[in-house]
């Protein structure tokens, strides 16, 4: 679930279809976002003391996930992904819950599956995996920007804003709603890190 600057640069240098390349680039943080939702769903199940199976169960989980996003609003607003629908969350649970990475991540900040203290929404909203999702989104923007123009590292803030807006439109990243706001500072940091490789 981590990214590699050398891998990214190799990919950039071997682009045949830049649109498809950027679509694949943004699929990586999306997968990590889905993992994060499954991890937090498992947290909610532990807190409730039962497995979630029905539509009303997953609606309850969505309500708690929404509270978690509000508790960490400044972080979540940099992710172009909306709160999942109950059916989506159910599908992600089926697809991801038994992966070793999910199990390790779920246990990493809990004691036998339970948080020691504090509000559940704040605990799951503050999980480190969400920071990794945000960083992966910034990295995807940076790699995508370089795939459009290797000189992007020398762009002004206005020019970078235009590039990011173009990427958002191309990749349908605004569908998550008006709350989405790209982390320009984080993206520029990633662009500078990539630029050092050229």
C-alpha atoms as a PDB file:
ATOM      1  CA  UNK A   1       0.000   0.000   0.000  1.00  0.00           C
ATOM      2  CA  UNK A   2       3.027   2.288  -0.171  1.00  0.00           C
ATOM      3  CA  UNK A   3       4.288   4.245  -3.121  1.00  0.00           C
ATOM      4  CA  UNK A   4       7.778   4.397  -4.555  1.00  0.00           C
ATOM      5  CA  UNK A   5       9.221   7.434  -6.306  1.00  0.00           C
ATOM      6  CA  UNK A   6      11.444   5.279  -8.510  1.00  0.00           C
ATOM      7  CA  UNK A   7       8.489   3.118  -9.558  1.00  0.00           C
ATOM      8  CA  UNK A   8       6.433   6.206 -10.296  1.00  0.00           C
ATOM      9  CA  UNK A   9       9.175   7.725 -12.417  1.00  0.00           C
ATOM     10  CA  UNK A  10       9.619   4.488 -14.357  1.00  0.00           C
ATOM     11  CA  UNK A  11       5.886   4.487 -15.029  1.00  0.00           C
ATOM     12  CA  UNK A  12       5.922   8.131 -16.125  1.00  0.00           C
ATOM     13  CA  UNK A  13       8.738   7.454 -18.536  1.00  0.00           C
ATOM     14  CA  UNK A  14       6.843   4.577 -20.130  1.00  0.00           C
ATOM     15  CA  UNK A  15       3.435   6.214 -20.621  1.00  0.00           C
ATOM     16  CA  UNK A  16       1.475   5.149 -23.682  1.00  0.00           C
ATOM     17  CA  UNK A  17      -1.951   6.429 -22.625  1.00  0.00           C
ATOM     18  CA  UNK A  18      -1.592   9.268 -20.121  1.00  0.00           C
ATOM     19  CA  UNK A  19      -5.301   9.348 -19.276  1.00  0.00           C
ATOM     20  CA  UNK A  20      -5.278   5.634 -18.424  1.00  0.00           C
ATOM     21  CA  UNK A  21      -2.033   6.113 -16.511  1.00  0.00           C
ATOM     22  CA  UNK A  22      -3.596   8.800 -14.335  1.00  0.00           C
ATOM     23  CA  UNK A  23      -6.718   6.685 -13.815  1.00  0.00           C
ATOM     24  CA  UNK A  24      -4.542   3.821 -12.574  1.00  0.00           C
ATOM     25  CA  UNK A  25      -2.544   6.240 -10.423  1.00  0.00           C
ATOM     26  CA  UNK A  26      -5.688   7.372  -8.623  1.00  0.00           C
ATOM     27  CA  UNK A  27      -6.949   3.813  -8.214  1.00  0.00           C
ATOM     28  CA  UNK A  28      -4.194   3.210  -5.646  1.00  0.00           C
ATOM     29  CA  UNK A  29      -5.353   5.703  -2.987  1.00  0.00           C
ATOM     30  CA  UNK A  30      -8.941   4.616  -3.695  1.00  0.00           C
ATOM     31  CA  UNK A  31      -8.059   1.036  -2.727  1.00  0.00           C
ATOM     32  CA  UNK A  32      -6.386   2.312   0.436  1.00  0.00           C
ATOM     33  CA  UNK A  33      -9.480   4.400   1.196  1.00  0.00           C
ATOM     34  CA  UNK A  34     -11.629   1.268   0.922  1.00  0.00           C
ATOM     35  CA  UNK A  35      -9.288  -0.556   3.287  1.00  0.00           C
ATOM     36  CA  UNK A  36      -9.587   2.326   5.753  1.00  0.00           C
ATOM     37  CA  UNK A  37     -13.358   2.074   5.676  1.00  0.00           C
ATOM     38  CA  UNK A  38     -13.242  -1.676   6.293  1.00  0.00           C
ATOM     39  CA  UNK A  39     -10.825  -1.181   9.189  1.00  0.00           C
ATOM     40  CA  UNK A  40     -13.080   1.403  10.787  1.00  0.00           C
ATOM     41  CA  UNK A  41     -16.142  -0.762  10.157  1.00  0.00           C
ATOM     42  CA  UNK A  42     -14.424  -3.519  12.137  1.00  0.00           C
ATOM     43  CA  UNK A  43     -13.796  -0.947  14.883  1.00  0.00           C
ATOM     44  CA  UNK A  44     -17.500  -0.122  14.944  1.00  0.00           C
ATOM     45  CA  UNK A  45     -18.435  -3.811  15.077  1.00  0.00           C
ATOM     46  CA  UNK A  46     -16.135  -4.313  18.061  1.00  0.00           C
ATOM     47  CA  UNK A  47     -17.667  -1.291  19.778  1.00  0.00           C
ATOM     48  CA  UNK A  48     -21.171  -2.647  19.154  1.00  0.00           C
ATOM     49  CA  UNK A  49     -20.164  -6.176  20.183  1.00  0.00           C
ATOM     50  CA  UNK A  50     -21.625  -7.856  17.095  1.00  0.00           C
ATOM     51  CA  UNK A  51     -21.142  -8.483  13.388  1.00  0.00           C
ATOM     52  CA  UNK A  52     -22.937  -6.244  10.908  1.00  0.00           C
ATOM     53  CA  UNK A  53     -25.039  -8.080   8.341  1.00  0.00           C
ATOM     54  CA  UNK A  54     -28.242  -6.191   7.573  1.00  0.00           C
ATOM     55  CA  UNK A  55     -28.813  -2.976   5.640  1.00  0.00           C
ATOM     56  CA  UNK A  56     -29.766  -1.185   8.855  1.00  0.00           C
ATOM     57  CA  UNK A  57     -26.467  -2.349  10.402  1.00  0.00           C
ATOM     58  CA  UNK A  58     -24.501  -0.774   7.592  1.00  0.00           C
ATOM     59  CA  UNK A  59     -26.616   2.385   7.754  1.00  0.00           C
ATOM     60  CA  UNK A  60     -25.618   2.648  11.421  1.00  0.00           C
ATOM     61  CA  UNK A  61     -21.975   2.188  10.423  1.00  0.00           C
ATOM     62  CA  UNK A  62     -22.318   4.943   7.808  1.00  0.00           C
ATOM     63  CA  UNK A  63     -23.698   7.310  10.460  1.00  0.00           C
ATOM     64  CA  UNK A  64     -20.680   6.626  12.665  1.00  0.00           C
ATOM     65  CA  UNK A  65     -18.262   6.960   9.740  1.00  0.00           C
ATOM     66  CA  UNK A  66     -19.844  10.319   8.938  1.00  0.00           C
ATOM     67  CA  UNK A  67     -19.238  11.455  12.522  1.00  0.00           C
ATOM     68  CA  UNK A  68     -15.624  10.282  12.245  1.00  0.00           C
ATOM     69  CA  UNK A  69     -15.155  12.330   9.064  1.00  0.00           C
ATOM     70  CA  UNK A  70     -16.534  15.390  10.833  1.00  0.00           C
ATOM     71  CA  UNK A  71     -14.144  14.789  13.735  1.00  0.00           C
ATOM     72  CA  UNK A  72     -11.214  14.870  11.288  1.00  0.00           C
ATOM     73  CA  UNK A  73     -12.738  17.242   8.723  1.00  0.00           C
ATOM     74  CA  UNK A  74      -9.533  19.015   7.694  1.00  0.00           C
ATOM     75  CA  UNK A  75      -7.981  15.672   6.743  1.00  0.00           C
ATOM     76  CA  UNK A  76     -10.974  14.099   5.020  1.00  0.00           C
ATOM     77  CA  UNK A  77     -11.723  17.166   2.904  1.00  0.00           C
ATOM     78  CA  UNK A  78      -8.446  16.521   1.037  1.00  0.00           C
ATOM     79  CA  UNK A  79      -9.749  13.117  -0.132  1.00  0.00           C
ATOM     80  CA  UNK A  80     -11.941  13.022  -3.263  1.00  0.00           C
ATOM     81  CA  UNK A  81     -14.042  10.175  -1.900  1.00  0.00           C
ATOM     82  CA  UNK A  82     -17.547  10.476  -0.410  1.00  0.00           C
ATOM     83  CA  UNK A  83     -18.958   8.494   2.480  1.00  0.00           C
ATOM     84  CA  UNK A  84     -19.752   5.071   0.971  1.00  0.00           C
ATOM     85  CA  UNK A  85     -23.295   3.808   0.566  1.00  0.00           C
ATOM     86  CA  UNK A  86     -24.315   0.880   2.793  1.00  0.00           C
ATOM     87  CA  UNK A  87     -24.133  -1.599  -0.093  1.00  0.00           C
ATOM     88  CA  UNK A  88     -20.658  -0.369  -1.068  1.00  0.00           C
ATOM     89  CA  UNK A  89     -19.442  -0.782   2.503  1.00  0.00           C
ATOM     90  CA  UNK A  90     -20.891  -4.285   2.635  1.00  0.00           C
ATOM     91  CA  UNK A  91     -19.114  -5.188  -0.617  1.00  0.00           C
ATOM     92  CA  UNK A  92     -15.800  -3.750   0.590  1.00  0.00           C
ATOM     93  CA  UNK A  93     -16.082  -5.713   3.828  1.00  0.00           C
ATOM     94  CA  UNK A  94     -16.574  -8.921   1.853  1.00  0.00           C
ATOM     95  CA  UNK A  95     -13.635  -8.159  -0.469  1.00  0.00           C
ATOM     96  CA  UNK A  96     -11.071  -6.842   2.029  1.00  0.00           C
ATOM     97  CA  UNK A  97     -11.777  -8.005   5.582  1.00  0.00           C
ATOM     98  CA  UNK A  98      -9.602 -11.140   5.475  1.00  0.00           C
ATOM     99  CA  UNK A  99      -6.541  -9.482   3.963  1.00  0.00           C
ATOM    100  CA  UNK A 100      -3.527  -9.606   6.267  1.00  0.00           C
ATOM    101  CA  UNK A 101      -2.991  -5.884   5.784  1.00  0.00           C
ATOM    102  CA  UNK A 102      -6.512  -5.095   7.019  1.00  0.00           C
ATOM    103  CA  UNK A 103      -6.116  -7.321  10.064  1.00  0.00           C
ATOM    104  CA  UNK A 104      -2.737  -5.803  10.948  1.00  0.00           C
ATOM    105  CA  UNK A 105      -4.034  -2.283  10.451  1.00  0.00           C
ATOM    106  CA  UNK A 106      -7.132  -2.910  12.522  1.00  0.00           C
ATOM    107  CA  UNK A 107      -5.056  -4.196  15.438  1.00  0.00           C
ATOM    108  CA  UNK A 108      -2.318  -1.581  15.190  1.00  0.00           C
ATOM    109  CA  UNK A 109      -4.060   1.086  17.275  1.00  0.00           C
ATOM    110  CA  UNK A 110      -6.349  -1.032  19.453  1.00  0.00           C
ATOM    111  CA  UNK A 111      -6.025  -3.502  22.302  1.00  0.00           C
ATOM    112  CA  UNK A 112      -7.629  -6.788  21.243  1.00  0.00           C
ATOM    113  CA  UNK A 113      -9.770  -4.837  18.802  1.00  0.00           C
ATOM    114  CA  UNK A 114     -10.906  -2.148  21.252  1.00  0.00           C
ATOM    115  CA  UNK A 115      -9.714   1.399  21.754  1.00  0.00           C
ATOM    116  CA  UNK A 116      -8.549   2.001  25.319  1.00  0.00           C
ATOM    117  CA  UNK A 117     -10.423   5.264  25.846  1.00  0.00           C
ATOM    118  CA  UNK A 118     -11.900   8.232  24.068  1.00  0.00           C
ATOM    119  CA  UNK A 119     -14.781   8.916  21.728  1.00  0.00           C
ATOM    120  CA  UNK A 120     -15.228   6.286  18.991  1.00  0.00           C
ATOM    121  CA  UNK A 121     -15.677   8.850  16.209  1.00  0.00           C
ATOM    122  CA  UNK A 122     -12.490  10.666  17.212  1.00  0.00           C
ATOM    123  CA  UNK A 123     -10.573   7.390  17.499  1.00  0.00           C
ATOM    124  CA  UNK A 124     -11.531   6.048  14.082  1.00  0.00           C
ATOM    125  CA  UNK A 125     -11.298   9.473  12.457  1.00  0.00           C
ATOM    126  CA  UNK A 126      -7.795   9.803  13.868  1.00  0.00           C
ATOM    127  CA  UNK A 127      -6.523   6.439  12.639  1.00  0.00           C
ATOM    128  CA  UNK A 128      -3.144   6.715  10.912  1.00  0.00           C
ATOM    129  CA  UNK A 129      -4.480   4.978   7.814  1.00  0.00           C
ATOM    130  CA  UNK A 130      -6.421   8.130   6.902  1.00  0.00           C
ATOM    131  CA  UNK A 131      -3.219  10.140   6.884  1.00  0.00           C
ATOM    132  CA  UNK A 132      -1.758   7.540   4.536  1.00  0.00           C
ATOM    133  CA  UNK A 133      -4.793   7.870   2.275  1.00  0.00           C
ATOM    134  CA  UNK A 134      -4.376  11.657   2.187  1.00  0.00           C
ATOM    135  CA  UNK A 135      -0.663  11.296   1.406  1.00  0.00           C
ATOM    136  CA  UNK A 136      -1.440   8.757  -1.335  1.00  0.00           C
ATOM    137  CA  UNK A 137      -3.941  11.191  -2.879  1.00  0.00           C
ATOM    138  CA  UNK A 138      -1.334  13.970  -2.866  1.00  0.00           C
ATOM    139  CA  UNK A 139       1.192  11.610  -4.443  1.00  0.00           C
ATOM    140  CA  UNK A 140      -1.311  10.631  -7.139  1.00  0.00           C
ATOM    141  CA  UNK A 141      -1.863  14.294  -7.955  1.00  0.00           C
ATOM    142  CA  UNK A 142       1.880  14.898  -8.150  1.00  0.00           C
ATOM    143  CA  UNK A 143       2.565  11.907 -10.400  1.00  0.00           C
ATOM    144  CA  UNK A 144      -0.397  12.814 -12.590  1.00  0.00           C
ATOM    145  CA  UNK A 145       0.795  16.408 -12.886  1.00  0.00           C
ATOM    146  CA  UNK A 146       4.239  15.195 -13.976  1.00  0.00           C
ATOM    147  CA  UNK A 147       2.628  12.912 -16.530  1.00  0.00           C
ATOM    148  CA  UNK A 148       1.063  16.011 -18.076  1.00  0.00           C
ATOM    149  CA  UNK A 149       4.154  18.233 -17.925  1.00  0.00           C
ATOM    150  CA  UNK A 150       7.565  17.411 -16.405  1.00  0.00           C
ATOM    151  CA  UNK A 151       8.100  21.134 -15.829  1.00  0.00           C
ATOM    152  CA  UNK A 152       5.241  21.327 -13.332  1.00  0.00           C
ATOM    153  CA  UNK A 153       7.712  21.669 -10.463  1.00  0.00           C
ATOM    154  CA  UNK A 154       8.459  25.191 -11.689  1.00  0.00           C
ATOM    155  CA  UNK A 155       4.806  26.185 -11.925  1.00  0.00           C
ATOM    156  CA  UNK A 156       3.305  29.126 -10.088  1.00  0.00           C
ATOM    157  CA  UNK A 157       0.533  28.503  -7.556  1.00  0.00           C
ATOM    158  CA  UNK A 158      -2.034  29.639 -10.113  1.00  0.00           C
ATOM    159  CA  UNK A 159      -0.635  27.329 -12.785  1.00  0.00           C
ATOM    160  CA  UNK A 160      -0.542  24.405 -10.364  1.00  0.00           C
ATOM    161  CA  UNK A 161      -4.117  25.131  -9.344  1.00  0.00           C
ATOM    162  CA  UNK A 162      -5.144  24.949 -13.005  1.00  0.00           C
ATOM    163  CA  UNK A 163      -3.339  21.612 -13.462  1.00  0.00           C
ATOM    164  CA  UNK A 164      -4.962  20.133 -10.353  1.00  0.00           C
ATOM    165  CA  UNK A 165      -8.373  21.358 -11.495  1.00  0.00           C
ATOM    166  CA  UNK A 166      -7.797  19.766 -14.913  1.00  0.00           C
ATOM    167  CA  UNK A 167      -6.857  16.452 -13.268  1.00  0.00           C
ATOM    168  CA  UNK A 168      -9.944  16.591 -11.037  1.00  0.00           C
ATOM    169  CA  UNK A 169     -12.203  17.064 -14.048  1.00  0.00           C
ATOM    170  CA  UNK A 170     -10.447  14.400 -16.118  1.00  0.00           C
ATOM    171  CA  UNK A 171     -10.629  11.817 -13.318  1.00  0.00           C
ATOM    172  CA  UNK A 172     -14.101  12.803 -12.049  1.00  0.00           C
ATOM    173  CA  UNK A 173     -12.720  13.634  -8.611  1.00  0.00           C
ATOM    174  CA  UNK A 174     -15.357  16.228  -7.811  1.00  0.00           C
ATOM    175  CA  UNK A 175     -18.119  13.628  -7.597  1.00  0.00           C
ATOM    176  CA  UNK A 176     -17.592  13.308  -3.839  1.00  0.00           C
ATOM    177  CA  UNK A 177     -19.269  16.656  -3.218  1.00  0.00           C
ATOM    178  CA  UNK A 178     -18.443  20.244  -2.419  1.00  0.00           C
ATOM    179  CA  UNK A 179     -16.381  19.373   0.671  1.00  0.00           C
ATOM    180  CA  UNK A 180     -13.471  18.074  -1.403  1.00  0.00           C
ATOM    181  CA  UNK A 181     -10.579  20.536  -1.468  1.00  0.00           C
ATOM    182  CA  UNK A 182      -7.156  19.393  -2.736  1.00  0.00           C
ATOM    183  CA  UNK A 183      -4.238  19.804  -0.331  1.00  0.00           C
ATOM    184  CA  UNK A 184      -2.115  22.153  -2.456  1.00  0.00           C
ATOM    185  CA  UNK A 185       0.744  22.294   0.057  1.00  0.00           C
ATOM    186  CA  UNK A 186       0.870  18.504   0.306  1.00  0.00           C
ATOM    187  CA  UNK A 187       0.696  18.114  -3.461  1.00  0.00           C
ATOM    188  CA  UNK A 188       3.487  20.635  -4.011  1.00  0.00           C
ATOM    189  CA  UNK A 189       5.628  18.805  -1.438  1.00  0.00           C
ATOM    190  CA  UNK A 190       5.139  15.577  -3.406  1.00  0.00           C
ATOM    191  CA  UNK A 191       5.870  17.368  -6.688  1.00  0.00           C
ATOM    192  CA  UNK A 192       9.148  18.688  -5.280  1.00  0.00           C
ATOM    193  CA  UNK A 193      10.088  15.192  -4.105  1.00  0.00           C
ATOM    194  CA  UNK A 194       9.419  13.857  -7.611  1.00  0.00           C
ATOM    195  CA  UNK A 195      11.213  16.785  -9.241  1.00  0.00           C
ATOM    196  CA  UNK A 196      14.422  15.904  -7.427  1.00  0.00           C
ATOM    197  CA  UNK A 197      14.495  12.667  -9.437  1.00  0.00           C
ATOM    198  CA  UNK A 198      14.648  14.430 -12.812  1.00  0.00           C
END
